[in-house]
């Protein structure tokens, strides 16, 4: 389904006018905005929805996963990131969640515990 612009402005390039006086725009192209306009509008709406979250604090599972995770805050060695689950519990522990995400944990460690960096 394609949206059409009811205005009479042709969005095609006017430099493509041929010698016969025809503009290179066909009827369909003349009534449609350029494709990038739609993508730009969607991007602006998405950014606008989440812009107010930049100054928010950590919530819910962010506290144990980031703020209190020894692997993230640097209390544990770099090699422990490879041996621990996402929550900082050793994988061989009976209390381990068994969710192994070392790249995510290393990313959190690099960003440090700064909630604004996580929201950007």
C-alpha atoms as a PDB file:
ATOM      1  CA  UNK A   1       0.000   0.000   0.000  1.00  0.00           C
ATOM      2  CA  UNK A   2       1.537   3.292  -1.059  1.00  0.00           C
ATOM      3  CA  UNK A   3       0.729   6.701   0.326  1.00  0.00           C
ATOM      4  CA  UNK A   4       0.112   9.460  -2.129  1.00  0.00           C
ATOM      5  CA  UNK A   5       0.537  13.156  -1.763  1.00  0.00           C
ATOM      6  CA  UNK A   6      -2.532  15.006  -3.038  1.00  0.00           C
ATOM      7  CA  UNK A   7      -0.498  18.143  -3.797  1.00  0.00           C
ATOM      8  CA  UNK A   8       0.571  18.979  -7.301  1.00  0.00           C
ATOM      9  CA  UNK A   9       4.285  19.287  -6.529  1.00  0.00           C
ATOM     10  CA  UNK A  10       6.509  16.823  -8.323  1.00  0.00           C
ATOM     11  CA  UNK A  11       9.222  15.438  -6.049  1.00  0.00           C
ATOM     12  CA  UNK A  12      11.312  14.177  -8.967  1.00  0.00           C
ATOM     13  CA  UNK A  13      14.389  16.082 -10.040  1.00  0.00           C
ATOM     14  CA  UNK A  14      13.500  18.902 -12.387  1.00  0.00           C
ATOM     15  CA  UNK A  15      16.898  18.690 -14.052  1.00  0.00           C
ATOM     16  CA  UNK A  16      15.745  15.551 -15.830  1.00  0.00           C
ATOM     17  CA  UNK A  17      13.326  17.466 -18.086  1.00  0.00           C
ATOM     18  CA  UNK A  18      13.585  16.174 -21.611  1.00  0.00           C
ATOM     19  CA  UNK A  19      13.547  18.317 -24.754  1.00  0.00           C
ATOM     20  CA  UNK A  20       9.972  17.330 -25.469  1.00  0.00           C
ATOM     21  CA  UNK A  21       8.828  19.252 -22.394  1.00  0.00           C
ATOM     22  CA  UNK A  22       8.165  16.166 -20.291  1.00  0.00           C
ATOM     23  CA  UNK A  23       9.590  16.137 -16.856  1.00  0.00           C
ATOM     24  CA  UNK A  24      10.732  12.545 -16.271  1.00  0.00           C
ATOM     25  CA  UNK A  25       8.148  12.137 -13.504  1.00  0.00           C
ATOM     26  CA  UNK A  26       5.377   9.738 -14.173  1.00  0.00           C
ATOM     27  CA  UNK A  27       1.990  10.137 -12.504  1.00  0.00           C
ATOM     28  CA  UNK A  28       2.854   7.885  -9.564  1.00  0.00           C
ATOM     29  CA  UNK A  29       6.238   9.486  -8.838  1.00  0.00           C
ATOM     30  CA  UNK A  30       4.752  12.972  -8.905  1.00  0.00           C
ATOM     31  CA  UNK A  31       2.378  12.185  -6.041  1.00  0.00           C
ATOM     32  CA  UNK A  32       4.777  10.380  -3.677  1.00  0.00           C
ATOM     33  CA  UNK A  33       7.272  11.858  -1.245  1.00  0.00           C
ATOM     34  CA  UNK A  34      10.832  10.567  -1.531  1.00  0.00           C
ATOM     35  CA  UNK A  35      11.487   7.311   0.325  1.00  0.00           C
ATOM     36  CA  UNK A  36      13.931   8.862   2.777  1.00  0.00           C
ATOM     37  CA  UNK A  37      11.178  11.122   4.149  1.00  0.00           C
ATOM     38  CA  UNK A  38       9.299   8.140   5.519  1.00  0.00           C
ATOM     39  CA  UNK A  39      12.429   6.689   7.135  1.00  0.00           C
ATOM     40  CA  UNK A  40      13.342  10.067   8.617  1.00  0.00           C
ATOM     41  CA  UNK A  41       9.860  10.476  10.098  1.00  0.00           C
ATOM     42  CA  UNK A  42       9.993   7.015  11.700  1.00  0.00           C
ATOM     43  CA  UNK A  43      13.475   7.721  13.100  1.00  0.00           C
ATOM     44  CA  UNK A  44      12.367  11.060  14.573  1.00  0.00           C
ATOM     45  CA  UNK A  45       9.357   9.481  16.266  1.00  0.00           C
ATOM     46  CA  UNK A  46      11.526   6.675  17.703  1.00  0.00           C
ATOM     47  CA  UNK A  47      14.128   9.109  19.050  1.00  0.00           C
ATOM     48  CA  UNK A  48      11.405  11.348  20.448  1.00  0.00           C
ATOM     49  CA  UNK A  49       9.804   8.479  22.358  1.00  0.00           C
ATOM     50  CA  UNK A  50      13.005   7.513  24.177  1.00  0.00           C
ATOM     51  CA  UNK A  51      14.691  10.898  24.561  1.00  0.00           C
ATOM     52  CA  UNK A  52      13.287  11.462  28.042  1.00  0.00           C
ATOM     53  CA  UNK A  53      14.853   8.179  29.276  1.00  0.00           C
ATOM     54  CA  UNK A  54      18.430   9.479  29.011  1.00  0.00           C
ATOM     55  CA  UNK A  55      18.436  10.933  32.522  1.00  0.00           C
ATOM     56  CA  UNK A  56      16.639   8.017  34.212  1.00  0.00           C
ATOM     57  CA  UNK A  57      18.152   5.646  36.768  1.00  0.00           C
ATOM     58  CA  UNK A  58      18.661   1.909  36.535  1.00  0.00           C
ATOM     59  CA  UNK A  59      15.502  -0.133  37.128  1.00  0.00           C
ATOM     60  CA  UNK A  60      14.357  -3.711  37.807  1.00  0.00           C
ATOM     61  CA  UNK A  61      17.055  -6.205  36.837  1.00  0.00           C
ATOM     62  CA  UNK A  62      19.641  -3.501  36.076  1.00  0.00           C
ATOM     63  CA  UNK A  63      20.589  -3.378  39.765  1.00  0.00           C
ATOM     64  CA  UNK A  64      21.826  -7.003  40.082  1.00  0.00           C
ATOM     65  CA  UNK A  65      23.015  -7.213  36.456  1.00  0.00           C
ATOM     66  CA  UNK A  66      25.007  -3.973  36.401  1.00  0.00           C
ATOM     67  CA  UNK A  67      25.234  -2.079  39.675  1.00  0.00           C
ATOM     68  CA  UNK A  68      25.965  -5.048  41.998  1.00  0.00           C
ATOM     69  CA  UNK A  69      27.633  -7.391  39.496  1.00  0.00           C
ATOM     70  CA  UNK A  70      31.280  -7.898  40.564  1.00  0.00           C
ATOM     71  CA  UNK A  71      32.282  -8.615  36.962  1.00  0.00           C
ATOM     72  CA  UNK A  72      30.851  -5.287  35.805  1.00  0.00           C
ATOM     73  CA  UNK A  73      32.064  -2.983  38.569  1.00  0.00           C
ATOM     74  CA  UNK A  74      35.619  -4.334  38.354  1.00  0.00           C
ATOM     75  CA  UNK A  75      35.891  -6.170  41.682  1.00  0.00           C
ATOM     76  CA  UNK A  76      36.515  -9.452  39.866  1.00  0.00           C
ATOM     77  CA  UNK A  77      39.272 -10.269  37.396  1.00  0.00           C
ATOM     78  CA  UNK A  78      38.797 -10.023  33.641  1.00  0.00           C
ATOM     79  CA  UNK A  79      39.007 -13.809  33.351  1.00  0.00           C
ATOM     80  CA  UNK A  80      36.094 -14.272  35.747  1.00  0.00           C
ATOM     81  CA  UNK A  81      33.835 -12.688  33.124  1.00  0.00           C
ATOM     82  CA  UNK A  82      34.450 -15.782  30.997  1.00  0.00           C
ATOM     83  CA  UNK A  83      33.664 -18.127  33.908  1.00  0.00           C
ATOM     84  CA  UNK A  84      30.589 -16.383  35.331  1.00  0.00           C
ATOM     85  CA  UNK A  85      27.031 -16.069  34.105  1.00  0.00           C
ATOM     86  CA  UNK A  86      25.377 -12.777  33.139  1.00  0.00           C
ATOM     87  CA  UNK A  87      24.580 -11.993  36.777  1.00  0.00           C
ATOM     88  CA  UNK A  88      28.181 -12.505  38.015  1.00  0.00           C
ATOM     89  CA  UNK A  89      27.625 -15.935  39.578  1.00  0.00           C
ATOM     90  CA  UNK A  90      30.115 -18.696  38.717  1.00  0.00           C
ATOM     91  CA  UNK A  91      28.635 -21.024  36.064  1.00  0.00           C
ATOM     92  CA  UNK A  92      29.374 -24.136  38.142  1.00  0.00           C
ATOM     93  CA  UNK A  93      27.384 -22.756  41.092  1.00  0.00           C
ATOM     94  CA  UNK A  94      23.999 -24.289  41.838  1.00  0.00           C
ATOM     95  CA  UNK A  95      22.635 -20.718  42.075  1.00  0.00           C
ATOM     96  CA  UNK A  96      23.807 -19.799  38.587  1.00  0.00           C
ATOM     97  CA  UNK A  97      21.179 -18.676  36.119  1.00  0.00           C
ATOM     98  CA  UNK A  98      23.267 -20.339  33.352  1.00  0.00           C
ATOM     99  CA  UNK A  99      22.819 -17.349  31.039  1.00  0.00           C
ATOM    100  CA  UNK A 100      26.264 -16.953  29.514  1.00  0.00           C
ATOM    101  CA  UNK A 101      26.750 -13.527  27.914  1.00  0.00           C
ATOM    102  CA  UNK A 102      30.397 -12.510  28.318  1.00  0.00           C
ATOM    103  CA  UNK A 103      30.348  -9.913  25.517  1.00  0.00           C
ATOM    104  CA  UNK A 104      27.431  -8.088  27.144  1.00  0.00           C
ATOM    105  CA  UNK A 105      29.118  -8.210  30.549  1.00  0.00           C
ATOM    106  CA  UNK A 106      32.377  -6.881  29.085  1.00  0.00           C
ATOM    107  CA  UNK A 107      30.442  -4.065  27.406  1.00  0.00           C
ATOM    108  CA  UNK A 108      28.850  -3.149  30.745  1.00  0.00           C
ATOM    109  CA  UNK A 109      32.286  -3.223  32.374  1.00  0.00           C
ATOM    110  CA  UNK A 110      33.733  -0.898  29.736  1.00  0.00           C
ATOM    111  CA  UNK A 111      30.870   1.597  30.142  1.00  0.00           C
ATOM    112  CA  UNK A 112      31.304   1.538  33.939  1.00  0.00           C
ATOM    113  CA  UNK A 113      28.317   2.112  36.184  1.00  0.00           C
ATOM    114  CA  UNK A 114      26.983   5.285  34.603  1.00  0.00           C
ATOM    115  CA  UNK A 115      23.288   4.998  33.827  1.00  0.00           C
ATOM    116  CA  UNK A 116      23.346   7.716  31.146  1.00  0.00           C
ATOM    117  CA  UNK A 117      25.891   5.759  29.074  1.00  0.00           C
ATOM    118  CA  UNK A 118      23.559   2.757  29.042  1.00  0.00           C
ATOM    119  CA  UNK A 119      20.638   4.830  27.784  1.00  0.00           C
ATOM    120  CA  UNK A 120      22.528   6.499  24.923  1.00  0.00           C
END
